[in-house]
Amino acid sequence: MMAGFFAKLREEVAVTLPAGRGDLIAAARRDGQVLSEDYSDGCVHVRALVTRPMAGRMRKASLPSGAR
């Protein structure tokens, strides 16, 4: 029951980050669950299930959609 409650407090986020932002990827692993990582051309596309504050941090650091 408790696990279900906390799972609802998480949201899925899909962002493209500079490869140098490994700190955010590590935080996403600690905070929730990284669903996928795809490294290409100095960027990493990450899909993760994280808390809302972490999702906000990741979105703020995200590159524009055409930057990849």
PDB file of N, CA and C in Angstrom:
ATOM      1  N   MET A   1       0.808  -1.180   0.000  1.00  0.00           N
ATOM      2  CA  MET A   1       0.000   0.000   0.000  1.00  0.00           C
ATOM      3  C   MET A   1       0.865   1.264   0.000  1.00  0.00           C
ATOM      4  N   MET A   2       1.873   1.295   0.867  1.00  0.00           N
ATOM      5  CA  MET A   2       2.762   2.457   0.927  1.00  0.00           C
ATOM      6  C   MET A   2       3.540   2.619  -0.376  1.00  0.00           C
ATOM      7  N   ALA A   3       4.010   1.510  -0.950  1.00  0.00           N
ATOM      8  CA  ALA A   3       4.765   1.588  -2.204  1.00  0.00           C
ATOM      9  C   ALA A   3       3.897   2.184  -3.307  1.00  0.00           C
ATOM     10  N   GLY A   4       2.651   1.818  -3.353  1.00  0.00           N
ATOM     11  CA  GLY A   4       1.729   2.364  -4.344  1.00  0.00           C
ATOM     12  C   GLY A   4       1.521   3.855  -4.159  1.00  0.00           C
ATOM     13  N   PHE A   5       1.441   4.295  -2.912  1.00  0.00           N
ATOM     14  CA  PHE A   5       1.284   5.723  -2.617  1.00  0.00           C
ATOM     15  C   PHE A   5       2.488   6.510  -3.120  1.00  0.00           C
ATOM     16  N   PHE A   6       3.690   6.040  -2.804  1.00  0.00           N
ATOM     17  CA  PHE A   6       4.893   6.756  -3.213  1.00  0.00           C
ATOM     18  C   PHE A   6       5.119   6.687  -4.713  1.00  0.00           C
ATOM     19  N   ALA A   7       4.712   5.608  -5.348  1.00  0.00           N
ATOM     20  CA  ALA A   7       4.849   5.500  -6.803  1.00  0.00           C
ATOM     21  C   ALA A   7       4.030   6.571  -7.503  1.00  0.00           C
ATOM     22  N   LYS A   8       2.887   6.937  -6.922  1.00  0.00           N
ATOM     23  CA  LYS A   8       2.049   7.971  -7.522  1.00  0.00           C
ATOM     24  C   LYS A   8       2.672   9.357  -7.425  1.00  0.00           C
ATOM     25  N   LEU A   9       3.629   9.527  -6.537  1.00  0.00           N
ATOM     26  CA  LEU A   9       4.287  10.817  -6.376  1.00  0.00           C
ATOM     27  C   LEU A   9       5.402  11.018  -7.399  1.00  0.00           C
ATOM     28  N   ARG A  10       5.615  10.057  -8.244  1.00  0.00           N
ATOM     29  CA  ARG A  10       6.657  10.141  -9.266  1.00  0.00           C
ATOM     30  C   ARG A  10       6.036  10.394 -10.627  1.00  0.00           C
ATOM     31  N   GLU A  11       6.840  10.983 -11.492  1.00  0.00           N
ATOM     32  CA  GLU A  11       6.379  11.209 -12.858  1.00  0.00           C
ATOM     33  C   GLU A  11       7.484  10.823 -13.826  1.00  0.00           C
ATOM     34  N   GLU A  12       7.077  10.482 -15.024  1.00  0.00           N
ATOM     35  CA  GLU A  12       8.046  10.122 -16.054  1.00  0.00           C
ATOM     36  C   GLU A  12       8.503  11.387 -16.760  1.00  0.00           C
ATOM     37  N   VAL A  13       9.803  11.483 -16.967  1.00  0.00           N
ATOM     38  CA  VAL A  13      10.395  12.624 -17.659  1.00  0.00           C
ATOM     39  C   VAL A  13      11.304  12.081 -18.758  1.00  0.00           C
ATOM     40  N   ALA A  14      11.294  12.748 -19.901  1.00  0.00           N
ATOM     41  CA  ALA A  14      12.173  12.392 -21.020  1.00  0.00           C
ATOM     42  C   ALA A  14      12.876  13.677 -21.452  1.00  0.00           C
ATOM     43  N   VAL A  15      14.189  13.727 -21.266  1.00  0.00           N
ATOM     44  CA  VAL A  15      14.958  14.938 -21.550  1.00  0.00           C
ATOM     45  C   VAL A  15      16.258  14.586 -22.255  1.00  0.00           C
ATOM     46  N   THR A  16      16.833  15.582 -22.932  1.00  0.00           N
ATOM     47  CA  THR A  16      18.166  15.454 -23.509  1.00  0.00           C
ATOM     48  C   THR A  16      19.077  16.392 -22.734  1.00  0.00           C
ATOM     49  N   LEU A  17      20.087  15.814 -22.106  1.00  0.00           N
ATOM     50  CA  LEU A  17      21.011  16.571 -21.267  1.00  0.00           C
ATOM     51  C   LEU A  17      22.403  16.576 -21.871  1.00  0.00           C
ATOM     52  N   PRO A  18      23.210  17.591 -21.565  1.00  0.00           N
ATOM     53  CA  PRO A  18      24.621  17.522 -21.944  1.00  0.00           C
ATOM     54  C   PRO A  18      25.255  16.326 -21.228  1.00  0.00           C
ATOM     55  N   ALA A  19      26.149  15.622 -21.902  1.00  0.00           N
ATOM     56  CA  ALA A  19      26.768  14.435 -21.310  1.00  0.00           C
ATOM     57  C   ALA A  19      27.492  14.767 -20.005  1.00  0.00           C
ATOM     58  N   GLY A  20      27.911  16.008 -19.829  1.00  0.00           N
ATOM     59  CA  GLY A  20      28.596  16.422 -18.615  1.00  0.00           C
ATOM     60  C   GLY A  20      27.693  16.539 -17.404  1.00  0.00           C
ATOM     61  N   ARG A  21      26.402  16.352 -17.565  1.00  0.00           N
ATOM     62  CA  ARG A  21      25.472  16.453 -16.435  1.00  0.00           C
ATOM     63  C   ARG A  21      25.186  15.081 -15.838  1.00  0.00           C
ATOM     64  N   GLY A  22      26.232  14.292 -15.701  1.00  0.00           N
ATOM     65  CA  GLY A  22      26.103  12.986 -15.061  1.00  0.00           C
ATOM     66  C   GLY A  22      25.588  13.089 -13.639  1.00  0.00           C
ATOM     67  N   ASP A  23      25.781  14.267 -13.015  1.00  0.00           N
ATOM     68  CA  ASP A  23      25.265  14.461 -11.667  1.00  0.00           C
ATOM     69  C   ASP A  23      23.749  14.315 -11.629  1.00  0.00           C
ATOM     70  N   LEU A  24      23.069  14.816 -12.657  1.00  0.00           N
ATOM     71  CA  LEU A  24      21.614  14.700 -12.696  1.00  0.00           C
ATOM     72  C   LEU A  24      21.169  13.264 -12.948  1.00  0.00           C
ATOM     73  N   ILE A  25      21.917  12.556 -13.775  1.00  0.00           N
ATOM     74  CA  ILE A  25      21.568  11.159 -14.043  1.00  0.00           C
ATOM     75  C   ILE A  25      21.760  10.332 -12.779  1.00  0.00           C
ATOM     76  N   ALA A  26      22.858  10.589 -12.056  1.00  0.00           N
ATOM     77  CA  ALA A  26      23.095   9.887 -10.788  1.00  0.00           C
ATOM     78  C   ALA A  26      22.004  10.219  -9.780  1.00  0.00           C
ATOM     79  N   ALA A  27      21.598  11.483  -9.731  1.00  0.00           N
ATOM     80  CA  ALA A  27      20.527  11.884  -8.814  1.00  0.00           C
ATOM     81  C   ALA A  27      19.208  11.215  -9.198  1.00  0.00           C
ATOM     82  N   ALA A  28      18.954  11.084 -10.497  1.00  0.00           N
ATOM     83  CA  ALA A  28      17.736  10.407 -10.953  1.00  0.00           C
ATOM     84  C   ALA A  28      17.745   8.940 -10.526  1.00  0.00           C
ATOM     85  N   ARG A  29      18.917   8.322 -10.548  1.00  0.00           N
ATOM     86  CA  ARG A  29      19.012   6.927 -10.085  1.00  0.00           C
ATOM     87  C   ARG A  29      18.721   6.828  -8.594  1.00  0.00           C
ATOM     88  N   ARG A  30      19.245   7.782  -7.823  1.00  0.00           N
ATOM     89  CA  ARG A  30      19.004   7.783  -6.376  1.00  0.00           C
ATOM     90  C   ARG A  30      17.540   8.105  -6.061  1.00  0.00           C
ATOM     91  N   ASP A  31      16.977   9.034  -6.811  1.00  0.00           N
ATOM     92  CA  ASP A  31      15.646   9.563  -6.555  1.00  0.00           C
ATOM     93  C   ASP A  31      14.530   8.652  -7.062  1.00  0.00           C
ATOM     94  N   GLY A  32      14.815   7.898  -8.089  1.00  0.00           N
ATOM     95  CA  GLY A  32      13.764   7.087  -8.706  1.00  0.00           C
ATOM     96  C   GLY A  32      14.339   5.949  -9.516  1.00  0.00           C
ATOM     97  N   GLN A  33      13.964   5.921 -10.786  1.00  0.00           N
ATOM     98  CA  GLN A  33      14.385   4.831 -11.667  1.00  0.00           C
ATOM     99  C   GLN A  33      14.672   5.391 -13.050  1.00  0.00           C
ATOM    100  N   VAL A  34      15.892   5.152 -13.546  1.00  0.00           N
ATOM    101  CA  VAL A  34      16.236   5.527 -14.912  1.00  0.00           C
ATOM    102  C   VAL A  34      15.733   4.410 -15.817  1.00  0.00           C
ATOM    103  N   LEU A  35      14.856   4.762 -16.750  1.00  0.00           N
ATOM    104  CA  LEU A  35      14.257   3.775 -17.638  1.00  0.00           C
ATOM    105  C   LEU A  35      15.096   3.528 -18.874  1.00  0.00           C
ATOM    106  N   SER A  36      15.774   4.593 -19.368  1.00  0.00           N
ATOM    107  CA  SER A  36      16.667   4.427 -20.514  1.00  0.00           C
ATOM    108  C   SER A  36      17.657   5.587 -20.569  1.00  0.00           C
ATOM    109  N   GLU A  37      18.815   5.301 -21.164  1.00  0.00           N
ATOM    110  CA  GLU A  37      19.861   6.303 -21.408  1.00  0.00           C
ATOM    111  C   GLU A  37      20.414   6.038 -22.801  1.00  0.00           C
ATOM    112  N   ASP A  38      20.527   7.066 -23.602  1.00  0.00           N
ATOM    113  CA  ASP A  38      21.064   6.924 -24.950  1.00  0.00           C
ATOM    114  C   ASP A  38      22.072   8.052 -25.173  1.00  0.00           C
ATOM    115  N   TYR A  39      23.358   7.702 -25.251  1.00  0.00           N
ATOM    116  CA  TYR A  39      24.424   8.688 -25.426  1.00  0.00           C
ATOM    117  C   TYR A  39      24.719   8.878 -26.908  1.00  0.00           C
ATOM    118  N   SER A  40      24.802  10.152 -27.336  1.00  0.00           N
ATOM    119  CA  SER A  40      25.090  10.451 -28.727  1.00  0.00           C
ATOM    120  C   SER A  40      25.545  11.893 -28.867  1.00  0.00           C
ATOM    121  N   ASP A  41      26.655  12.114 -29.556  1.00  0.00           N
ATOM    122  CA  ASP A  41      27.131  13.457 -29.892  1.00  0.00           C
ATOM    123  C   ASP A  41      27.207  14.406 -28.694  1.00  0.00           C
ATOM    124  N   GLY A  42      27.757  13.939 -27.595  1.00  0.00           N
ATOM    125  CA  GLY A  42      27.934  14.803 -26.431  1.00  0.00           C
ATOM    126  C   GLY A  42      26.670  15.057 -25.632  1.00  0.00           C
ATOM    127  N   CYS A  43      25.629  14.307 -25.933  1.00  0.00           N
ATOM    128  CA  CYS A  43      24.353  14.456 -25.227  1.00  0.00           C
ATOM    129  C   CYS A  43      23.891  13.089 -24.737  1.00  0.00           C
ATOM    130  N   VAL A  44      22.994  13.115 -23.793  1.00  0.00           N
ATOM    131  CA  VAL A  44      22.376  11.874 -23.337  1.00  0.00           C
ATOM    132  C   VAL A  44      20.877  12.101 -23.229  1.00  0.00           C
ATOM    133  N   HIS A  45      20.131  11.230 -23.908  1.00  0.00           N
ATOM    134  CA  HIS A  45      18.671  11.269 -23.814  1.00  0.00           C
ATOM    135  C   HIS A  45      18.290  10.313 -22.693  1.00  0.00           C
ATOM    136  N   VAL A  46      17.584  10.829 -21.709  1.00  0.00           N
ATOM    137  CA  VAL A  46      17.237  10.053 -20.517  1.00  0.00           C
ATOM    138  C   VAL A  46      15.724  10.016 -20.348  1.00  0.00           C
ATOM    139  N   ARG A  47      15.214   8.834 -20.088  1.00  0.00           N
ATOM    140  CA  ARG A  47      13.831   8.662 -19.634  1.00  0.00           C
ATOM    141  C   ARG A  47      13.912   8.131 -18.220  1.00  0.00           C
ATOM    142  N   ALA A  48      13.211   8.787 -17.312  1.00  0.00           N
ATOM    143  CA  ALA A  48      13.296   8.373 -15.912  1.00  0.00           C
ATOM    144  C   ALA A  48      11.959   8.580 -15.218  1.00  0.00           C
ATOM    145  N   LEU A  49      11.759   7.813 -14.181  1.00  0.00           N
ATOM    146  CA  LEU A  49      10.603   7.938 -13.313  1.00  0.00           C
ATOM    147  C   LEU A  49      11.125   8.502 -11.998  1.00  0.00           C
ATOM    148  N   VAL A  50      10.825   9.771 -11.733  1.00  0.00           N
ATOM    149  CA  VAL A  50      11.413  10.490 -10.592  1.00  0.00           C
ATOM    150  C   VAL A  50      10.351  11.340  -9.891  1.00  0.00           C
ATOM    151  N   THR A  51      10.727  11.908  -8.751  1.00  0.00           N
ATOM    152  CA  THR A  51       9.816  12.810  -8.048  1.00  0.00           C
ATOM    153  C   THR A  51       9.653  14.096  -8.854  1.00  0.00           C
ATOM    154  N   ARG A  52       8.612  14.836  -8.563  1.00  0.00           N
ATOM    155  CA  ARG A  52       8.349  16.080  -9.290  1.00  0.00           C
ATOM    156  C   ARG A  52       9.498  17.086  -9.166  1.00  0.00           C
ATOM    157  N   PRO A  53      10.073  17.280  -7.979  1.00  0.00           N
ATOM    158  CA  PRO A  53      11.197  18.225  -7.902  1.00  0.00           C
ATOM    159  C   PRO A  53      12.384  17.800  -8.780  1.00  0.00           C
ATOM    160  N   MET A  54      12.670  16.498  -8.807  1.00  0.00           N
ATOM    161  CA  MET A  54      13.774  16.016  -9.638  1.00  0.00           C
ATOM    162  C   MET A  54      13.436  16.178 -11.114  1.00  0.00           C
ATOM    163  N   ALA A  55      12.199  15.921 -11.487  1.00  0.00           N
ATOM    164  CA  ALA A  55      11.772  16.106 -12.880  1.00  0.00           C
ATOM    165  C   ALA A  55      11.967  17.562 -13.283  1.00  0.00           C
ATOM    166  N   GLY A  56      11.652  18.484 -12.394  1.00  0.00           N
ATOM    167  CA  GLY A  56      11.846  19.902 -12.671  1.00  0.00           C
ATOM    168  C   GLY A  56      13.308  20.256 -12.868  1.00  0.00           C
ATOM    169  N   ARG A  57      14.178  19.708 -12.034  1.00  0.00           N
ATOM    170  CA  ARG A  57      15.625  19.952 -12.180  1.00  0.00           C
ATOM    171  C   ARG A  57      16.121  19.441 -13.522  1.00  0.00           C
ATOM    172  N   MET A  58      15.652  18.262 -13.914  1.00  0.00           N
ATOM    173  CA  MET A  58      16.088  17.676 -15.179  1.00  0.00           C
ATOM    174  C   MET A  58      15.576  18.489 -16.365  1.00  0.00           C
ATOM    175  N   ARG A  59      14.335  18.916 -16.301  1.00  0.00           N
ATOM    176  CA  ARG A  59      13.780  19.728 -17.396  1.00  0.00           C
ATOM    177  C   ARG A  59      14.502  21.067 -17.521  1.00  0.00           C
ATOM    178  N   LYS A  60      14.855  21.658 -16.388  1.00  0.00           N
ATOM    179  CA  LYS A  60      15.553  22.945 -16.395  1.00  0.00           C
ATOM    180  C   LYS A  60      16.923  22.824 -17.069  1.00  0.00           C
ATOM    181  N   ALA A  61      17.604  21.701 -16.884  1.00  0.00           N
ATOM    182  CA  ALA A  61      18.935  21.485 -17.455  1.00  0.00           C
ATOM    183  C   ALA A  61      18.878  20.935 -18.879  1.00  0.00           C
ATOM    184  N   SER A  62      17.686  20.590 -19.344  1.00  0.00           N
ATOM    185  CA  SER A  62      17.527  19.952 -20.650  1.00  0.00           C
ATOM    186  C   SER A  62      17.927  20.883 -21.794  1.00  0.00           C
ATOM    187  N   LEU A  63      18.488  20.280 -22.825  1.00  0.00           N
ATOM    188  CA  LEU A  63      18.824  21.011 -24.039  1.00  0.00           C
ATOM    189  C   LEU A  63      17.574  21.203 -24.880  1.00  0.00           C
ATOM    190  N   PRO A  64      17.543  22.230 -25.714  1.00  0.00           N
ATOM    191  CA  PRO A  64      16.400  22.391 -26.630  1.00  0.00           C
ATOM    192  C   PRO A  64      16.240  21.144 -27.491  1.00  0.00           C
ATOM    193  N   SER A  65      15.037  20.847 -27.904  1.00  0.00           N
ATOM    194  CA  SER A  65      14.751  19.596 -28.621  1.00  0.00           C
ATOM    195  C   SER A  65      15.558  19.431 -29.899  1.00  0.00           C
ATOM    196  N   GLY A  66      15.949  20.486 -30.571  1.00  0.00           N
ATOM    197  CA  GLY A  66      16.727  20.376 -31.801  1.00  0.00           C
ATOM    198  C   GLY A  66      18.229  20.292 -31.582  1.00  0.00           C
ATOM    199  N   ALA A  67      18.675  20.318 -30.343  1.00  0.00           N
ATOM    200  CA  ALA A  67      20.121  20.356 -30.055  1.00  0.00           C
ATOM    201  C   ALA A  67      20.813  19.030 -30.252  1.00  0.00           C
ATOM    202  N   ARG A  68      20.080  17.975 -30.372  1.00  0.00           N
ATOM    203  CA  ARG A  68      20.698  16.666 -30.471  1.00  0.00           C
ATOM    204  C   ARG A  68      21.176  16.453 -31.817  1.00  0.00           C
TER     205      ARG A  68
END
